[in-house]
């Protein structure tokens, strides 16, 4: 799984570099990030019908996190296709655990709705990419546990605050703070 992660990270880094609104990323960043995450997933062991969810969150999360850290942007070319891909994976999971369907919809509404509300009330406080990513992450986390969505939102805010306090000034990437707790929730279920 680690070798596959290196290859997926390499392909993702190349993809990011080729996107119109992507980012040029130094060699190794995506490769190491994805391979470590996928290695952890392999060690964790989980049902075949669920494993694709944390694999996807790890791959997409590394790419989006690196892009956000480099250029403070979460490109639509990655966030928008994540909706149908995540939906397909969650439909598969719902065949095995029917409660996944309701939890996913509730998580999408809760995480995505919260971020959309913040964006509408204070547009400078949150980027549009964060709002788009929140819906996908909410669906995945909600599939595990709707109350966990609230915890992930709180953790993302806390991690972003820590990032802001560690920088003297300037923009703070919020994407990585959203992805890491979301991925951890999907990693430790079922």
N, C-alpha and C. Protein backbone atom coordinates (compact mmCIF):
# COMPACT_ATOMS: atom_id res chain seq x y z
N UNK A 1 0.83 -1.19 0.00
CA UNK A 1 0.00 0.00 0.00
C UNK A 1 0.88 1.26 0.00
N UNK A 2 2.05 1.18 0.64
CA UNK A 2 2.94 2.33 0.68
C UNK A 2 3.46 2.68 -0.72
N UNK A 3 3.82 1.67 -1.49
CA UNK A 3 4.30 1.91 -2.86
C UNK A 3 3.19 2.53 -3.70
N UNK A 4 1.98 2.00 -3.56
CA UNK A 4 0.84 2.58 -4.27
C UNK A 4 0.63 4.03 -3.84
N UNK A 5 0.84 4.32 -2.56
CA UNK A 5 0.72 5.69 -2.07
C UNK A 5 1.75 6.62 -2.68
N UNK A 6 2.98 6.13 -2.83
CA UNK A 6 4.02 6.94 -3.48
C UNK A 6 3.61 7.26 -4.91
N UNK A 7 3.14 6.26 -5.63
CA UNK A 7 2.72 6.47 -7.02
C UNK A 7 1.51 7.41 -7.10
N UNK A 8 0.54 7.22 -6.21
CA UNK A 8 -0.64 8.10 -6.19
C UNK A 8 -0.23 9.52 -5.83
N UNK A 9 0.70 9.67 -4.91
CA UNK A 9 1.18 11.00 -4.53
C UNK A 9 1.91 11.67 -5.68
N UNK A 10 2.73 10.89 -6.39
CA UNK A 10 3.43 11.43 -7.56
C UNK A 10 2.44 11.89 -8.62
N UNK A 11 1.45 11.04 -8.90
CA UNK A 11 0.43 11.41 -9.90
C UNK A 11 -0.34 12.64 -9.44
N UNK A 12 -0.64 12.72 -8.16
CA UNK A 12 -1.35 13.88 -7.63
C UNK A 12 -0.54 15.16 -7.72
N UNK A 13 0.76 15.04 -7.44
CA UNK A 13 1.63 16.21 -7.55
C UNK A 13 1.69 16.70 -8.99
N UNK A 14 1.77 15.77 -9.92
CA UNK A 14 1.77 16.14 -11.34
C UNK A 14 0.43 16.78 -11.73
N UNK A 15 -0.64 16.23 -11.22
CA UNK A 15 -1.97 16.79 -11.48
C UNK A 15 -2.06 18.23 -10.97
N UNK A 16 -1.63 18.44 -9.73
CA UNK A 16 -1.65 19.79 -9.16
C UNK A 16 -0.86 20.78 -10.00
N UNK A 17 0.29 20.36 -10.48
CA UNK A 17 1.13 21.24 -11.30
C UNK A 17 0.52 21.57 -12.64
N UNK A 18 -0.38 20.70 -13.13
CA UNK A 18 -0.99 20.92 -14.43
C UNK A 18 -2.33 21.64 -14.39
N UNK A 19 -2.90 21.80 -13.20
CA UNK A 19 -4.19 22.48 -13.10
C UNK A 19 -4.04 23.98 -13.36
N UNK A 20 -5.06 24.55 -13.97
CA UNK A 20 -5.04 25.99 -14.25
C UNK A 20 -4.89 26.79 -12.95
N UNK A 21 -5.55 26.38 -11.90
CA UNK A 21 -5.45 27.08 -10.61
C UNK A 21 -4.87 26.17 -9.54
N UNK A 22 -3.93 25.33 -9.95
CA UNK A 22 -3.29 24.41 -9.02
C UNK A 22 -2.06 25.03 -8.38
N UNK A 23 -1.05 24.22 -8.18
CA UNK A 23 0.17 24.70 -7.54
C UNK A 23 1.33 23.81 -7.94
N UNK A 24 2.50 24.40 -8.08
CA UNK A 24 3.72 23.63 -8.29
C UNK A 24 4.21 23.24 -6.90
N UNK A 25 4.38 21.94 -6.71
CA UNK A 25 4.72 21.41 -5.39
C UNK A 25 6.07 20.71 -5.49
N UNK A 26 6.97 20.97 -4.54
CA UNK A 26 8.27 20.28 -4.57
C UNK A 26 8.11 18.76 -4.53
N UNK A 27 9.00 18.08 -5.22
CA UNK A 27 9.00 16.61 -5.23
C UNK A 27 9.08 16.08 -3.81
N UNK A 28 8.31 15.06 -3.56
CA UNK A 28 8.33 14.40 -2.26
C UNK A 28 7.19 14.76 -1.34
N UNK A 29 6.68 15.97 -1.44
CA UNK A 29 5.63 16.38 -0.50
C UNK A 29 4.41 15.47 -0.61
N UNK A 30 3.85 15.37 -1.79
CA UNK A 30 2.64 14.56 -1.99
C UNK A 30 2.97 13.07 -1.86
N UNK A 31 4.12 12.67 -2.40
CA UNK A 31 4.50 11.26 -2.35
C UNK A 31 4.61 10.76 -0.92
N UNK A 32 5.29 11.50 -0.08
CA UNK A 32 5.46 11.09 1.32
C UNK A 32 4.13 11.16 2.06
N UNK A 33 3.40 12.24 1.87
CA UNK A 33 2.12 12.40 2.57
C UNK A 33 1.13 11.29 2.27
N UNK A 34 0.95 11.00 0.99
CA UNK A 34 -0.01 9.96 0.61
C UNK A 34 0.49 8.58 1.03
N UNK A 35 1.77 8.30 0.84
CA UNK A 35 2.27 6.97 1.19
C UNK A 35 2.19 6.71 2.70
N UNK A 36 2.47 7.70 3.51
CA UNK A 36 2.35 7.51 4.97
C UNK A 36 0.89 7.28 5.34
N UNK A 37 0.00 8.11 4.81
CA UNK A 37 -1.42 7.95 5.14
C UNK A 37 -1.94 6.59 4.68
N UNK A 38 -1.59 6.18 3.47
CA UNK A 38 -2.07 4.90 2.97
C UNK A 38 -1.45 3.74 3.74
N UNK A 39 -0.21 3.91 4.19
CA UNK A 39 0.41 2.88 5.02
C UNK A 39 -0.32 2.72 6.34
N UNK A 40 -0.72 3.83 6.94
CA UNK A 40 -1.50 3.78 8.19
C UNK A 40 -2.83 3.08 7.95
N UNK A 41 -3.47 3.38 6.83
CA UNK A 41 -4.75 2.74 6.50
C UNK A 41 -4.56 1.23 6.35
N UNK A 42 -3.48 0.82 5.70
CA UNK A 42 -3.21 -0.61 5.53
C UNK A 42 -2.99 -1.30 6.87
N UNK A 43 -2.30 -0.63 7.78
CA UNK A 43 -2.07 -1.20 9.11
C UNK A 43 -3.36 -1.29 9.91
N UNK A 44 -4.23 -0.34 9.70
CA UNK A 44 -5.48 -0.28 10.46
C UNK A 44 -6.37 -1.47 10.12
N UNK A 45 -6.44 -1.82 8.86
CA UNK A 45 -7.31 -2.93 8.46
C UNK A 45 -8.77 -2.56 8.63
N UNK A 46 -9.52 -2.66 7.56
CA UNK A 46 -10.94 -2.32 7.62
C UNK A 46 -11.65 -3.04 6.48
N UNK A 47 -12.98 -3.07 6.53
CA UNK A 47 -13.73 -3.79 5.49
C UNK A 47 -13.48 -3.21 4.09
N UNK A 48 -13.52 -4.07 3.08
CA UNK A 48 -13.27 -3.65 1.70
C UNK A 48 -14.24 -2.58 1.26
N UNK A 49 -15.46 -2.59 1.78
CA UNK A 49 -16.47 -1.63 1.35
C UNK A 49 -16.29 -0.26 1.99
N UNK A 50 -15.37 -0.13 2.92
CA UNK A 50 -15.14 1.17 3.56
C UNK A 50 -13.76 1.74 3.23
N UNK A 51 -12.79 0.92 2.96
CA UNK A 51 -11.40 1.36 2.85
C UNK A 51 -11.19 2.46 1.80
N UNK A 52 -11.99 2.47 0.75
CA UNK A 52 -11.82 3.49 -0.28
C UNK A 52 -12.12 4.89 0.24
N UNK A 53 -12.96 5.02 1.26
CA UNK A 53 -13.29 6.35 1.79
C UNK A 53 -12.06 7.00 2.43
N UNK A 54 -11.40 6.37 3.40
CA UNK A 54 -10.19 7.02 3.94
C UNK A 54 -9.05 7.12 2.92
N UNK A 55 -8.97 6.17 1.97
CA UNK A 55 -7.94 6.29 0.93
C UNK A 55 -8.18 7.54 0.10
N UNK A 56 -9.42 7.78 -0.30
CA UNK A 56 -9.75 8.97 -1.08
C UNK A 56 -9.50 10.24 -0.27
N UNK A 57 -9.94 10.25 1.00
CA UNK A 57 -9.72 11.44 1.83
C UNK A 57 -8.23 11.71 2.02
N UNK A 58 -7.45 10.66 2.16
CA UNK A 58 -6.00 10.85 2.32
C UNK A 58 -5.39 11.44 1.05
N UNK A 59 -5.70 10.84 -0.09
CA UNK A 59 -5.13 11.32 -1.36
C UNK A 59 -5.58 12.75 -1.65
N UNK A 60 -6.88 12.96 -1.66
CA UNK A 60 -7.39 14.30 -1.93
C UNK A 60 -6.98 15.29 -0.86
N UNK A 61 -6.97 14.84 0.38
CA UNK A 61 -6.59 15.73 1.47
C UNK A 61 -5.15 16.19 1.39
N UNK A 62 -4.25 15.28 1.03
CA UNK A 62 -2.84 15.67 0.87
C UNK A 62 -2.72 16.68 -0.26
N UNK A 63 -3.34 16.38 -1.40
CA UNK A 63 -3.24 17.30 -2.54
C UNK A 63 -3.82 18.67 -2.20
N UNK A 64 -5.02 18.67 -1.63
CA UNK A 64 -5.65 19.95 -1.29
C UNK A 64 -4.89 20.68 -0.19
N UNK A 65 -4.43 19.93 0.80
CA UNK A 65 -3.68 20.56 1.89
C UNK A 65 -2.39 21.20 1.41
N UNK A 66 -1.66 20.49 0.57
CA UNK A 66 -0.41 21.02 0.03
C UNK A 66 -0.69 22.26 -0.83
N UNK A 67 -1.72 22.18 -1.65
CA UNK A 67 -2.08 23.33 -2.49
C UNK A 67 -2.47 24.53 -1.63
N UNK A 68 -3.25 24.28 -0.60
CA UNK A 68 -3.68 25.37 0.29
C UNK A 68 -2.48 25.98 1.02
N UNK A 69 -1.57 25.15 1.46
CA UNK A 69 -0.38 25.66 2.14
C UNK A 69 0.51 26.47 1.19
N UNK A 70 0.61 26.03 -0.06
CA UNK A 70 1.49 26.70 -1.03
C UNK A 70 0.88 27.99 -1.57
N UNK A 71 -0.40 27.95 -1.98
CA UNK A 71 -0.98 29.11 -2.68
C UNK A 71 -2.30 29.59 -2.07
N UNK A 72 -2.67 29.07 -0.91
CA UNK A 72 -3.90 29.47 -0.22
C UNK A 72 -5.12 29.37 -1.11
N UNK A 73 -5.26 28.17 -1.71
CA UNK A 73 -6.39 27.94 -2.60
C UNK A 73 -6.72 26.45 -2.60
N UNK A 74 -8.02 26.17 -2.66
CA UNK A 74 -8.50 24.80 -2.82
C UNK A 74 -9.20 24.75 -4.18
N UNK A 75 -8.54 24.23 -5.20
CA UNK A 75 -9.07 24.32 -6.56
C UNK A 75 -10.36 23.53 -6.78
N UNK A 76 -11.27 24.15 -7.53
CA UNK A 76 -12.53 23.50 -7.90
C UNK A 76 -12.28 22.18 -8.64
N UNK A 77 -11.19 22.12 -9.39
CA UNK A 77 -10.89 20.91 -10.16
C UNK A 77 -10.68 19.70 -9.26
N UNK A 78 -10.45 19.91 -7.97
CA UNK A 78 -10.33 18.81 -7.01
C UNK A 78 -11.54 18.72 -6.09
N UNK A 79 -12.05 19.86 -5.65
CA UNK A 79 -13.17 19.82 -4.69
C UNK A 79 -14.47 19.36 -5.33
N UNK A 80 -14.78 19.83 -6.52
CA UNK A 80 -16.07 19.51 -7.12
C UNK A 80 -16.19 18.04 -7.56
N UNK A 81 -15.18 17.46 -8.22
CA UNK A 81 -15.30 16.03 -8.56
C UNK A 81 -15.34 15.13 -7.32
N UNK A 82 -14.90 15.63 -6.19
CA UNK A 82 -14.94 14.82 -4.98
C UNK A 82 -16.37 14.50 -4.56
N UNK A 83 -17.34 15.32 -4.94
CA UNK A 83 -18.73 15.06 -4.56
C UNK A 83 -19.26 13.75 -5.17
N UNK A 84 -19.24 13.59 -6.50
CA UNK A 84 -19.78 12.33 -7.03
C UNK A 84 -18.95 11.11 -6.65
N UNK A 85 -17.63 11.27 -6.55
CA UNK A 85 -16.79 10.12 -6.18
C UNK A 85 -17.09 9.70 -4.74
N UNK A 86 -17.15 10.66 -3.83
CA UNK A 86 -17.47 10.36 -2.43
C UNK A 86 -18.87 9.78 -2.32
N UNK A 87 -19.82 10.34 -3.05
CA UNK A 87 -21.19 9.83 -3.02
C UNK A 87 -21.24 8.37 -3.46
N UNK A 88 -20.52 8.03 -4.52
CA UNK A 88 -20.50 6.64 -4.99
C UNK A 88 -19.92 5.70 -3.94
N UNK A 89 -18.84 6.13 -3.29
CA UNK A 89 -18.23 5.30 -2.25
C UNK A 89 -19.16 5.14 -1.04
N UNK A 90 -19.89 6.20 -0.71
CA UNK A 90 -20.79 6.13 0.43
C UNK A 90 -22.04 5.31 0.11
N UNK A 91 -22.48 5.30 -1.14
CA UNK A 91 -23.59 4.43 -1.54
C UNK A 91 -23.18 2.97 -1.37
N UNK A 92 -21.96 2.65 -1.78
CA UNK A 92 -21.44 1.30 -1.60
C UNK A 92 -21.43 0.94 -0.11
N UNK A 93 -20.95 1.85 0.71
CA UNK A 93 -20.92 1.59 2.16
C UNK A 93 -22.32 1.44 2.74
N UNK A 94 -23.28 2.21 2.20
CA UNK A 94 -24.65 2.15 2.70
C UNK A 94 -25.31 0.80 2.40
N UNK A 95 -24.85 0.11 1.38
CA UNK A 95 -25.37 -1.23 1.11
C UNK A 95 -25.03 -2.18 2.25
N UNK A 96 -23.93 -1.90 2.92
CA UNK A 96 -23.48 -2.76 4.02
C UNK A 96 -23.92 -2.22 5.38
N UNK A 97 -24.03 -0.93 5.47
CA UNK A 97 -24.50 -0.28 6.69
C UNK A 97 -25.50 0.81 6.28
N UNK A 98 -26.78 0.52 6.26
CA UNK A 98 -27.78 1.47 5.75
C UNK A 98 -27.79 2.83 6.45
N UNK A 99 -27.40 2.88 7.71
CA UNK A 99 -27.39 4.15 8.44
C UNK A 99 -26.40 5.16 7.85
N UNK A 100 -25.47 4.68 7.04
CA UNK A 100 -24.50 5.55 6.38
C UNK A 100 -25.20 6.61 5.53
N UNK A 101 -26.28 6.23 4.87
CA UNK A 101 -26.96 7.15 3.95
C UNK A 101 -27.50 8.38 4.69
N UNK A 102 -28.21 8.16 5.76
CA UNK A 102 -28.79 9.29 6.51
C UNK A 102 -27.68 10.12 7.15
N UNK A 103 -26.69 9.46 7.72
CA UNK A 103 -25.58 10.17 8.34
C UNK A 103 -24.81 11.03 7.35
N UNK A 104 -24.63 10.51 6.15
CA UNK A 104 -23.91 11.27 5.12
C UNK A 104 -24.63 12.55 4.75
N UNK A 105 -25.92 12.43 4.53
CA UNK A 105 -26.71 13.62 4.16
C UNK A 105 -26.71 14.63 5.31
N UNK A 106 -26.89 14.14 6.53
CA UNK A 106 -26.89 15.04 7.69
C UNK A 106 -25.52 15.69 7.86
N UNK A 107 -24.45 14.92 7.69
CA UNK A 107 -23.10 15.48 7.82
C UNK A 107 -22.80 16.52 6.78
N UNK A 108 -23.21 16.25 5.53
CA UNK A 108 -23.02 17.22 4.46
C UNK A 108 -23.75 18.53 4.80
N UNK A 109 -24.99 18.41 5.25
CA UNK A 109 -25.78 19.61 5.58
C UNK A 109 -25.17 20.35 6.77
N UNK A 110 -24.72 19.62 7.77
CA UNK A 110 -24.18 20.25 8.98
C UNK A 110 -22.83 20.93 8.73
N UNK A 111 -21.88 20.20 8.18
CA UNK A 111 -20.54 20.75 7.93
C UNK A 111 -20.61 21.80 6.82
N UNK A 112 -21.19 21.41 5.69
CA UNK A 112 -21.29 22.35 4.57
C UNK A 112 -22.14 23.55 4.90
N UNK A 113 -23.25 23.33 5.60
CA UNK A 113 -24.14 24.43 5.97
C UNK A 113 -23.49 25.41 6.93
N UNK A 114 -22.75 24.88 7.89
CA UNK A 114 -22.05 25.75 8.85
C UNK A 114 -21.03 26.63 8.13
N UNK A 115 -20.28 26.03 7.24
CA UNK A 115 -19.26 26.79 6.52
C UNK A 115 -19.90 27.79 5.55
N UNK A 116 -20.98 27.39 4.91
CA UNK A 116 -21.68 28.32 4.01
C UNK A 116 -22.22 29.51 4.79
N UNK A 117 -22.76 29.26 5.97
CA UNK A 117 -23.28 30.35 6.80
C UNK A 117 -22.16 31.32 7.18
N UNK A 118 -21.02 30.79 7.59
CA UNK A 118 -19.87 31.66 7.93
C UNK A 118 -19.46 32.47 6.71
N UNK A 119 -19.41 31.83 5.57
CA UNK A 119 -19.02 32.53 4.33
C UNK A 119 -20.00 33.65 3.98
N UNK A 120 -21.29 33.41 4.19
CA UNK A 120 -22.31 34.42 3.88
C UNK A 120 -22.27 35.58 4.87
N UNK A 121 -22.04 35.27 6.15
CA UNK A 121 -22.04 36.31 7.19
C UNK A 121 -20.74 37.12 7.17
N UNK A 122 -19.61 36.43 6.99
CA UNK A 122 -18.31 37.10 7.00
C UNK A 122 -17.46 36.55 5.85
N UNK A 123 -17.68 37.04 4.62
CA UNK A 123 -17.00 36.48 3.45
C UNK A 123 -15.47 36.45 3.55
N UNK A 124 -14.89 37.38 4.22
CA UNK A 124 -13.42 37.40 4.31
C UNK A 124 -12.88 36.37 5.30
N UNK A 125 -13.76 35.78 6.11
CA UNK A 125 -13.33 34.82 7.12
C UNK A 125 -13.13 33.42 6.55
N UNK A 126 -13.72 33.14 5.39
CA UNK A 126 -13.63 31.79 4.85
C UNK A 126 -13.68 31.82 3.34
N UNK A 127 -12.82 31.03 2.72
CA UNK A 127 -12.79 30.96 1.27
C UNK A 127 -13.87 30.04 0.72
N UNK A 128 -14.20 30.25 -0.54
CA UNK A 128 -15.19 29.41 -1.20
C UNK A 128 -14.75 27.96 -1.29
N UNK A 129 -13.46 27.72 -1.47
CA UNK A 129 -12.96 26.35 -1.53
C UNK A 129 -13.18 25.61 -0.22
N UNK A 130 -13.05 26.32 0.90
CA UNK A 130 -13.30 25.70 2.20
C UNK A 130 -14.75 25.25 2.31
N UNK A 131 -15.67 26.08 1.80
CA UNK A 131 -17.08 25.74 1.84
C UNK A 131 -17.35 24.50 0.98
N UNK A 132 -16.77 24.46 -0.21
CA UNK A 132 -16.97 23.31 -1.10
C UNK A 132 -16.39 22.03 -0.49
N UNK A 133 -15.23 22.14 0.10
CA UNK A 133 -14.61 20.98 0.73
C UNK A 133 -15.40 20.51 1.95
N UNK A 134 -16.00 21.43 2.67
CA UNK A 134 -16.74 21.09 3.88
C UNK A 134 -17.89 20.12 3.60
N UNK A 135 -18.57 20.28 2.49
CA UNK A 135 -19.67 19.39 2.17
C UNK A 135 -19.22 17.95 1.98
N UNK A 136 -18.13 17.77 1.25
CA UNK A 136 -17.59 16.43 1.01
C UNK A 136 -17.12 15.80 2.32
N UNK A 137 -16.37 16.57 3.09
CA UNK A 137 -15.88 16.04 4.36
C UNK A 137 -17.03 15.74 5.31
N UNK A 138 -18.03 16.60 5.31
CA UNK A 138 -19.20 16.38 6.15
C UNK A 138 -19.92 15.09 5.81
N UNK A 139 -20.03 14.79 4.52
CA UNK A 139 -20.68 13.54 4.10
C UNK A 139 -19.90 12.34 4.59
N UNK A 140 -18.59 12.38 4.46
CA UNK A 140 -17.76 11.25 4.89
C UNK A 140 -17.77 11.08 6.41
N UNK A 141 -17.62 12.18 7.12
CA UNK A 141 -17.62 12.10 8.59
C UNK A 141 -19.02 11.74 9.10
N UNK A 142 -20.05 12.32 8.50
CA UNK A 142 -21.42 12.01 8.90
C UNK A 142 -21.77 10.54 8.70
N UNK A 143 -21.15 9.91 7.72
CA UNK A 143 -21.37 8.47 7.50
C UNK A 143 -20.91 7.67 8.71
N UNK A 144 -19.92 8.18 9.40
CA UNK A 144 -19.40 7.52 10.60
C UNK A 144 -20.25 7.89 11.80
N UNK A 145 -20.46 9.20 11.98
CA UNK A 145 -21.19 9.68 13.15
C UNK A 145 -21.53 11.15 12.94
N UNK A 146 -22.80 11.48 13.04
CA UNK A 146 -23.20 12.88 12.87
C UNK A 146 -22.62 13.75 14.01
N UNK A 147 -22.64 13.30 15.26
CA UNK A 147 -22.00 14.11 16.30
C UNK A 147 -20.51 14.34 16.06
N UNK A 148 -19.84 13.41 15.38
CA UNK A 148 -18.42 13.59 15.08
C UNK A 148 -18.21 14.79 14.17
N UNK A 149 -19.20 15.14 13.37
CA UNK A 149 -19.08 16.31 12.48
C UNK A 149 -18.86 17.56 13.31
N UNK A 150 -19.59 17.69 14.40
CA UNK A 150 -19.42 18.85 15.28
C UNK A 150 -18.01 18.87 15.85
N UNK A 151 -17.51 17.73 16.25
CA UNK A 151 -16.14 17.64 16.76
C UNK A 151 -15.11 18.01 15.71
N UNK A 152 -15.33 17.58 14.47
CA UNK A 152 -14.39 17.91 13.40
C UNK A 152 -14.41 19.40 13.11
N UNK A 153 -15.58 20.01 13.09
CA UNK A 153 -15.68 21.46 12.86
C UNK A 153 -14.93 22.20 13.97
N UNK A 154 -15.13 21.78 15.22
CA UNK A 154 -14.43 22.42 16.34
C UNK A 154 -12.92 22.20 16.25
N UNK A 155 -12.51 20.99 15.91
CA UNK A 155 -11.08 20.70 15.78
C UNK A 155 -10.45 21.52 14.65
N UNK A 156 -11.16 21.66 13.53
CA UNK A 156 -10.65 22.46 12.41
C UNK A 156 -10.47 23.91 12.82
N UNK A 157 -11.43 24.43 13.57
CA UNK A 157 -11.31 25.82 14.04
C UNK A 157 -10.13 25.97 14.99
N UNK A 158 -9.97 25.01 15.89
CA UNK A 158 -8.87 25.08 16.85
C UNK A 158 -7.51 24.96 16.16
N UNK A 159 -7.40 24.05 15.21
CA UNK A 159 -6.13 23.89 14.50
C UNK A 159 -5.80 25.13 13.67
N UNK A 160 -6.81 25.74 13.08
CA UNK A 160 -6.58 26.96 12.31
C UNK A 160 -6.16 28.10 13.23
N UNK A 161 -6.78 28.17 14.39
CA UNK A 161 -6.39 29.20 15.37
C UNK A 161 -4.93 29.01 15.78
N UNK A 162 -4.53 27.77 16.04
CA UNK A 162 -3.13 27.51 16.39
C UNK A 162 -2.20 27.93 15.25
N UNK A 163 -2.61 27.64 14.01
CA UNK A 163 -1.82 28.06 12.86
C UNK A 163 -1.71 29.57 12.77
N UNK A 164 -2.80 30.26 13.06
CA UNK A 164 -2.79 31.73 13.00
C UNK A 164 -1.92 32.31 14.10
N UNK A 165 -1.93 31.71 15.27
CA UNK A 165 -1.12 32.21 16.38
C UNK A 165 0.37 31.98 16.15
N UNK A 166 0.69 30.97 15.35
CA UNK A 166 2.10 30.68 15.10
C UNK A 166 2.70 31.52 13.97
N UNK A 167 1.85 32.28 13.28
CA UNK A 167 2.32 33.13 12.18
C UNK A 167 2.17 34.59 12.59
N UNK A 168 3.14 35.41 12.28
CA UNK A 168 3.03 36.81 12.66
C UNK A 168 1.92 37.55 11.91
N UNK A 169 1.70 37.20 10.64
CA UNK A 169 0.66 37.86 9.84
C UNK A 169 0.44 37.06 8.57
N UNK A 170 -0.62 37.38 7.87
CA UNK A 170 -0.89 36.74 6.59
C UNK A 170 -1.96 35.68 6.67
N UNK A 171 -2.28 35.15 5.52
CA UNK A 171 -3.34 34.16 5.41
C UNK A 171 -2.91 32.83 6.05
N UNK A 172 -3.89 32.13 6.57
CA UNK A 172 -3.66 30.82 7.18
C UNK A 172 -4.46 29.79 6.38
N UNK A 173 -3.82 28.75 5.97
CA UNK A 173 -4.50 27.68 5.23
C UNK A 173 -5.42 26.92 6.18
N UNK A 174 -6.69 26.87 5.84
CA UNK A 174 -7.67 26.19 6.68
C UNK A 174 -7.92 24.75 6.20
N UNK A 175 -7.66 24.46 4.92
CA UNK A 175 -7.92 23.13 4.37
C UNK A 175 -7.29 21.99 5.15
N UNK A 176 -5.98 22.07 5.46
CA UNK A 176 -5.38 20.96 6.21
C UNK A 176 -6.04 20.74 7.57
N UNK A 177 -6.48 21.81 8.21
CA UNK A 177 -7.13 21.70 9.51
C UNK A 177 -8.50 21.02 9.40
N UNK A 178 -9.10 21.11 8.23
CA UNK A 178 -10.38 20.43 8.00
C UNK A 178 -10.16 18.95 7.67
N UNK A 179 -9.14 18.69 6.87
CA UNK A 179 -8.92 17.34 6.34
C UNK A 179 -8.42 16.38 7.42
N UNK A 180 -7.46 16.79 8.22
CA UNK A 180 -6.83 15.85 9.16
C UNK A 180 -7.84 15.25 10.14
N UNK A 181 -8.64 16.05 10.85
CA UNK A 181 -9.59 15.40 11.76
C UNK A 181 -10.67 14.60 11.03
N UNK A 182 -11.04 15.03 9.83
CA UNK A 182 -12.03 14.27 9.05
C UNK A 182 -11.48 12.91 8.69
N UNK A 183 -10.23 12.88 8.21
CA UNK A 183 -9.60 11.63 7.83
C UNK A 183 -9.47 10.70 9.04
N UNK A 184 -9.09 11.26 10.18
CA UNK A 184 -8.94 10.42 11.38
C UNK A 184 -10.24 9.76 11.77
N UNK A 185 -11.36 10.49 11.65
CA UNK A 185 -12.65 9.89 11.97
C UNK A 185 -12.95 8.72 11.03
N UNK A 186 -12.71 8.90 9.73
CA UNK A 186 -12.98 7.81 8.79
C UNK A 186 -12.01 6.65 8.95
N UNK A 187 -10.82 6.93 9.43
CA UNK A 187 -9.81 5.90 9.63
C UNK A 187 -10.20 4.94 10.75
N UNK A 188 -10.82 5.45 11.80
CA UNK A 188 -11.11 4.63 12.96
C UNK A 188 -12.53 4.08 12.98
N UNK A 189 -13.15 3.95 11.81
CA UNK A 189 -14.46 3.33 11.69
C UNK A 189 -14.48 2.50 10.44
N UNK A 190 -15.14 1.43 10.35
CA UNK A 190 -15.94 0.79 11.40
C UNK A 190 -15.09 -0.14 12.24
